[in-house]
Protein backbone atom coordinates (compact mmCIF):
# COMPACT_ATOMS: atom_id res chain seq x y z
CA MET A 1 -34.57 -3.61 16.91
CA ILE A 2 -31.85 -2.93 14.40
CA SER A 3 -34.44 -1.38 12.10
CA ALA A 4 -34.70 1.50 14.59
CA LEU A 5 -31.29 2.71 13.34
CA PHE A 6 -32.85 3.44 9.96
CA TYR A 7 -35.59 5.56 11.51
CA ASN A 8 -33.42 7.22 14.17
CA PRO A 9 -29.85 7.25 12.81
CA VAL A 10 -26.88 7.79 15.09
CA MET A 11 -25.51 11.31 14.69
CA VAL A 12 -21.73 11.60 14.34
CA SER A 13 -19.62 14.67 13.82
CA PHE A 14 -18.00 15.54 10.51
CA HIS A 15 -14.52 14.67 11.78
CA SER A 16 -15.73 11.28 12.95
CA GLU A 17 -17.10 10.55 9.48
CA LEU A 18 -13.70 11.35 7.98
CA LEU A 19 -11.96 9.05 10.46
CA LEU A 20 -14.30 6.21 9.47
CA LEU A 21 -12.97 6.35 5.89
CA LEU A 22 -9.64 4.78 6.87
CA PRO A 23 -11.09 1.56 8.35
CA LEU A 24 -13.43 1.33 5.36
CA CYS A 25 -10.47 1.61 2.96
CA ALA A 26 -8.54 -0.93 5.03
CA ALA A 27 -11.35 -3.49 4.95
CA VAL A 28 -12.09 -3.06 1.24
CA GLY A 29 -8.38 -3.16 0.37
CA LEU A 30 -7.73 -6.32 2.37
CA VAL A 31 -10.64 -8.21 0.83
CA TYR A 32 -9.77 -7.02 -2.68
CA LYS A 33 -6.10 -7.96 -2.40
CA ALA A 34 -6.87 -11.28 -0.73
CA VAL A 35 -8.91 -12.21 -3.79
CA ARG A 36 -6.57 -10.76 -6.42
CA VAL A 37 -3.06 -11.65 -5.15
CA GLU A 38 -1.34 -14.59 -6.83
CA ARG A 39 0.84 -15.71 -3.91
CA LEU A 40 -0.17 -15.21 -0.31
CA SER A 41 3.35 -14.10 0.60
CA GLN A 42 2.80 -10.98 -1.53
CA LEU A 43 -0.37 -9.99 0.34
CA PRO A 44 1.08 -7.64 3.01
CA LEU A 45 3.13 -5.55 0.58
CA GLU A 46 0.36 -5.36 -2.02
CA TYR A 47 -2.16 -4.49 0.70
CA VAL A 48 -0.06 -1.63 2.05
CA LYS A 49 0.51 -0.27 -1.46
CA LEU A 50 -3.22 -0.38 -2.22
CA LEU A 51 -4.10 1.25 1.11
CA ALA A 52 -1.66 4.09 0.46
CA TYR A 53 -3.00 4.47 -3.10
CA MET A 54 -6.58 4.70 -1.86
CA ALA A 55 -5.75 7.11 0.98
CA PHE A 56 -3.74 9.48 -1.24
CA GLY A 57 -6.38 9.25 -3.95
CA LEU A 58 -9.14 10.21 -1.52
CA ALA A 59 -7.02 13.06 -0.15
CA ALA A 60 -6.32 14.37 -3.66
CA LEU A 61 -9.99 14.12 -4.58
CA CYS A 62 -10.92 15.97 -1.40
CA VAL A 63 -8.50 18.80 -2.16
CA LEU A 64 -9.68 19.02 -5.77
CA LEU A 65 -13.33 19.20 -4.76
CA TRP A 66 -12.55 21.77 -2.08
CA VAL A 67 -10.72 23.96 -4.61
CA ILE A 68 -13.62 23.69 -7.07
CA HIS A 69 -16.16 24.46 -4.36
CA THR A 70 -14.19 27.41 -2.98
CA TYR A 71 -12.95 29.13 -6.13
CA TRP A 72 -15.52 28.26 -8.79
CA PRO A 73 -17.46 31.40 -9.77
């Protein structure tokens, strides 16, 4: 039954795809920091810093690629 999703994928709008990046970054960041942090008391602060780093990095990459796509000859 779940294999039907590979043959008939669920269509989502472009804006919905962009909104799904934030939960993906949150999940990856939490797992990564949970493995890498030395003391568990540091986890929330390190997690928030990593989440902000990933979000701003993706936004900067998006702007850079948009500028290249729009203004490249």
